[in-house]
Protein backbone atom coordinates (compact mmCIF):
# COMPACT_ATOMS: atom_id res chain seq x y z
CA MET A 1 160.04 114.20 101.00
CA PRO A 2 162.29 117.05 102.28
CA TYR A 3 159.22 119.15 103.09
CA LEU A 4 157.36 116.30 104.79
CA ARG A 5 160.40 115.44 106.87
CA THR A 6 160.72 118.94 108.30
CA SER A 7 157.05 119.96 108.42
CA THR A 8 155.34 120.35 111.78
CA LYS A 9 152.01 119.51 110.11
CA TYR A 10 152.80 115.95 109.12
CA ASP A 11 154.39 112.85 110.62
CA ILE A 12 155.70 110.22 108.23
CA VAL A 13 154.48 107.02 109.85
CA ALA A 14 154.87 104.57 106.95
CA LEU A 15 156.54 104.13 103.58
CA CYS A 16 155.56 101.72 100.82
CA ASN A 17 157.92 100.56 98.08
CA SER A 18 158.20 97.72 95.58
CA SER A 19 159.72 95.45 98.23
CA LEU A 20 160.23 95.47 101.98
CA ASP A 21 163.99 95.77 101.49
CA SER A 22 163.62 98.82 99.23
CA ALA A 23 161.13 100.38 101.65
CA LYS A 24 163.54 99.91 104.55
CA ALA A 25 166.39 101.27 102.43
CA ALA A 26 164.33 104.39 101.62
CA ILE A 27 163.54 104.91 105.31
CA LYS A 28 167.25 104.75 106.07
CA HIS A 29 168.23 106.92 103.09
CA PHE A 30 165.85 109.73 104.06
CA ASP A 31 166.75 109.40 107.72
CA LEU A 32 163.16 108.83 108.78
CA PRO A 33 162.28 107.93 112.38
CA SER A 34 163.01 104.34 113.39
CA SER A 35 159.29 103.99 114.12
CA THR A 36 158.45 104.43 110.41
CA LYS A 37 156.75 101.29 109.14
CA ALA A 38 157.90 99.61 105.92
CA TYR A 39 155.39 98.13 103.48
CA ASP A 40 155.56 96.37 100.13
CA SER A 41 151.78 96.32 99.71
CA ALA A 42 149.55 99.31 99.02
CA ALA A 43 146.61 97.42 100.51
CA GLU A 44 148.46 96.84 103.79
CA LEU A 45 149.47 100.49 103.91
CA ALA A 46 145.83 101.50 103.42
CA ASP A 47 144.81 99.17 106.27
CA ASP A 48 147.21 100.86 108.71
CA PRO A 49 145.06 102.79 111.24
CA ASP A 50 147.92 105.24 111.84
CA VAL A 51 147.88 106.40 108.21
CA ASP A 52 145.55 109.36 107.60
CA LEU A 53 146.97 110.67 104.32
CA VAL A 54 148.53 108.70 101.46
CA VAL A 55 150.87 110.47 99.03
CA CYS A 56 151.42 108.72 95.69
CA SER A 57 154.45 109.91 93.73
CA VAL A 58 155.59 107.18 91.35
CA ARG A 59 155.50 106.61 87.58
CA VAL A 60 152.08 107.25 86.07
CA ASP A 61 151.16 103.67 85.19
CA ARG A 62 151.46 102.67 88.87
CA HIS A 63 149.15 105.37 90.25
CA TYR A 64 145.89 103.45 89.86
CA GLU A 65 146.91 100.21 91.54
CA LEU A 66 148.72 101.95 94.38
CA ILE A 67 146.20 104.63 95.30
CA LYS A 68 142.96 102.68 94.78
CA PRO A 69 143.21 100.73 98.10
CA ALA A 70 143.64 104.00 100.01
CA VAL A 71 140.65 105.60 98.25
CA GLU A 72 138.55 102.53 99.04
CA LYS A 73 139.49 102.83 102.71
CA GLY A 74 138.49 106.49 102.77
CA LYS A 75 142.04 107.74 103.41
CA ALA A 76 142.86 111.27 102.33
CA CYS A 77 144.91 111.01 99.12
CA PHE A 78 147.36 113.18 97.20
CA VAL A 79 148.34 111.90 93.75
CA GLU A 80 150.85 113.58 91.47
CA TRP A 81 149.58 114.52 88.03
CA PRO A 82 148.40 112.73 85.88
CA LEU A 83 145.91 110.92 88.09
CA GLY A 84 145.88 107.75 85.99
CA ALA A 85 147.45 106.20 82.92
CA ASN A 86 144.27 106.82 80.95
CA LEU A 87 140.83 108.40 81.21
CA ARG A 88 139.17 105.17 82.36
CA GLU A 89 141.44 104.89 85.41
CA ALA A 90 140.99 108.56 86.30
CA GLU A 91 137.21 108.42 86.03
CA GLU A 92 137.05 105.22 88.08
CA LEU A 93 139.15 106.73 90.87
CA GLN A 94 137.06 109.89 90.76
CA ALA A 95 133.81 107.92 91.03
CA LEU A 96 135.23 105.77 93.85
CA ALA A 97 136.33 108.86 95.78
CA HIS A 98 132.82 110.28 95.44
CA ALA A 99 131.26 107.05 96.64
CA LYS A 100 133.58 106.71 99.64
CA GLY A 101 133.60 110.39 100.55
CA THR A 102 137.38 110.40 100.27
CA LYS A 103 139.22 113.72 100.50
CA THR A 104 141.51 113.95 97.48
CA MET A 105 143.96 116.22 95.73
CA VAL A 106 145.78 115.87 92.42
CA GLY A 107 149.17 117.50 91.91
CA LEU A 108 148.33 120.44 89.66
CA GLN A 109 150.15 122.82 91.97
CA ALA A 110 150.79 125.73 89.61
CA ARG A 111 148.25 127.91 91.44
CA ARG A 112 150.67 128.04 94.37
CA SER A 113 153.57 129.27 92.24
CA PRO A 114 154.68 132.85 93.12
CA VAL A 115 155.34 133.51 89.43
CA VAL A 116 151.89 132.34 88.34
CA ASN A 117 150.21 134.38 91.08
CA LYS A 118 152.20 137.48 90.13
CA VAL A 119 151.12 137.16 86.50
CA LYS A 120 147.51 136.72 87.66
CA GLU A 121 147.84 139.86 89.81
CA LEU A 122 149.17 141.91 86.89
CA VAL A 123 146.38 140.74 84.60
CA GLU A 124 143.70 141.22 87.24
CA ASN A 125 144.83 144.75 88.03
CA GLY A 126 144.93 145.76 84.39
CA VAL A 127 148.66 146.51 84.46
CA ILE A 128 149.08 145.20 80.92
CA GLY A 129 145.79 146.65 79.71
CA LYS A 130 142.80 144.83 78.31
CA VAL A 131 143.61 141.21 77.45
CA LEU A 132 142.27 140.37 74.01
CA SER A 133 144.09 137.11 73.40
CA SER A 134 146.58 134.79 75.03
CA THR A 135 149.16 132.48 73.50
CA VAL A 136 151.52 130.02 75.15
CA VAL A 137 154.62 128.82 73.29
CA SER A 138 156.51 126.13 75.16
CA SER A 139 158.99 123.30 74.80
CA ALA A 140 160.05 120.37 76.94
CA GLY A 141 163.35 119.22 78.34
CA ASN A 142 162.70 115.70 77.16
CA PHE A 143 160.76 114.01 74.32
CA GLY A 144 163.49 115.16 71.97
CA ALA A 145 165.60 113.45 69.32
CA LYS A 146 167.26 111.41 72.08
CA GLU A 147 165.84 110.20 75.37
CA PRO A 148 167.73 109.15 78.51
CA ARG A 149 167.38 105.42 79.12
CA SER A 150 165.84 106.17 82.51
CA LEU A 151 162.94 107.96 80.80
CA ARG A 152 162.36 105.60 77.89
CA TYR A 153 159.09 104.34 79.38
CA PHE A 154 157.58 107.76 78.60
CA ASN A 155 157.61 106.71 74.95
CA GLU A 156 155.33 103.75 75.69
CA LYS A 157 151.74 104.77 75.05
CA GLY A 158 150.31 102.47 77.70
CA VAL A 159 152.25 104.19 80.46
CA GLY A 160 150.15 107.34 80.13
CA GLY A 161 153.00 109.71 80.94
CA ASN A 162 153.82 111.81 77.90
CA MET A 163 154.08 115.37 76.63
CA VAL A 164 150.31 115.81 76.43
CA SER A 165 149.31 114.32 79.77
CA ILE A 166 152.23 115.70 81.82
CA HIS A 167 153.73 118.81 80.22
CA PHE A 168 150.59 120.16 78.56
CA GLY A 169 148.49 119.01 81.50
CA HIS A 170 150.52 121.13 83.93
CA ARG A 171 150.70 124.21 81.74
CA LYS A 172 147.08 124.47 80.65
CA PRO A 173 145.62 124.91 84.17
CA ARG A 174 148.07 127.68 85.08
CA HIS A 175 147.25 129.43 81.82
CA LEU A 176 143.54 129.19 82.56
CA PHE A 177 144.12 130.30 86.16
CA PHE A 178 145.59 133.70 85.44
CA ILE A 179 143.68 134.41 82.23
CA LEU A 180 140.22 132.87 82.29
CA LEU A 181 139.57 132.98 86.04
CA THR A 182 140.59 136.63 86.12
CA ARG A 183 138.04 137.69 83.51
CA TYR A 184 135.14 136.77 85.79
CA LYS A 185 136.37 139.37 88.28
CA CYS A 186 137.14 142.02 85.70
CA ALA A 187 134.18 142.63 83.43
CA ASN A 188 136.27 144.83 81.16
CA MET A 189 138.77 142.02 80.53
CA LYS A 190 137.32 139.36 78.29
CA PRO A 191 139.96 137.57 76.21
CA GLN A 192 138.75 137.03 72.66
CA SER A 193 140.92 133.98 72.07
CA LEU A 194 143.01 131.46 73.97
CA THR A 195 145.73 129.54 72.14
CA THR A 196 148.26 127.01 73.37
CA PHE A 197 151.06 125.84 71.10
CA TYR A 198 153.29 123.05 72.33
CA SER A 199 156.37 122.25 70.30
CA PRO A 200 157.90 118.77 70.65
CA SER A 201 161.32 118.31 69.13
CA ALA A 202 160.70 114.78 67.89
CA ASN A 203 157.94 112.62 66.45
CA PHE A 204 155.48 111.81 69.19
CA SER A 205 152.29 109.81 69.41
CA PRO A 206 150.26 111.07 72.36
CA SER A 207 147.90 108.87 74.33
CA VAL A 208 144.55 109.95 75.69
CA ALA A 209 144.80 112.73 78.27
CA SER A 210 144.75 111.18 81.71
CA SER A 211 141.83 112.99 83.28
CA PRO A 212 139.53 115.96 82.93
CA PHE A 213 140.96 119.23 84.25
CA SER A 214 139.67 119.28 87.80
CA ILE A 215 142.30 121.48 89.38
CA HIS A 216 143.51 120.12 92.72
CA LYS A 217 140.57 117.92 93.76
CA PHE A 218 139.82 114.77 91.75
CA ASN A 219 136.59 114.09 93.59
């Protein structure tokens, strides 16, 4: 929201929330123009002729129902990762976007990270020598022995937001970006193995990954 508010490339013309009152409160809280329309229906938002691009940034299990009307209307859509709560939702949205010719983007934004691009540059230029293997060791700030009450829904399998779909889902594409994509440009750099090790600090039962790795575009 801070970027969209100050960007010269976008105008925030409408905001949709769980109720009209909460939508109006959000408009006031973020000091949006008085002309900003308040909605409590994703379908009504999608019907608004002034809306060209819909940005969906809510909990994972609400993505499908909120973004589907916009995809059906052919609106450009940006959805934070994961695309859906499960593979079925993601594939359905992907197929619908294809059918409607909708321009889409999913929030796997690691390719834009200065750190990720610097690592890619070092690998591509052979600064660290020939890459024979790559290993990622990582841990999360949540999914531990204790969870904040505000994040307890992440432990519900049906929600689709968990360590595999979110944390692993964000890290794997950046790993592939600066290792595997680089090898096609550098014939003398062909990693022999690629390993990712993710270490949760508590028992965890992952759900199905939310969608295939289609970096950025989901159509």
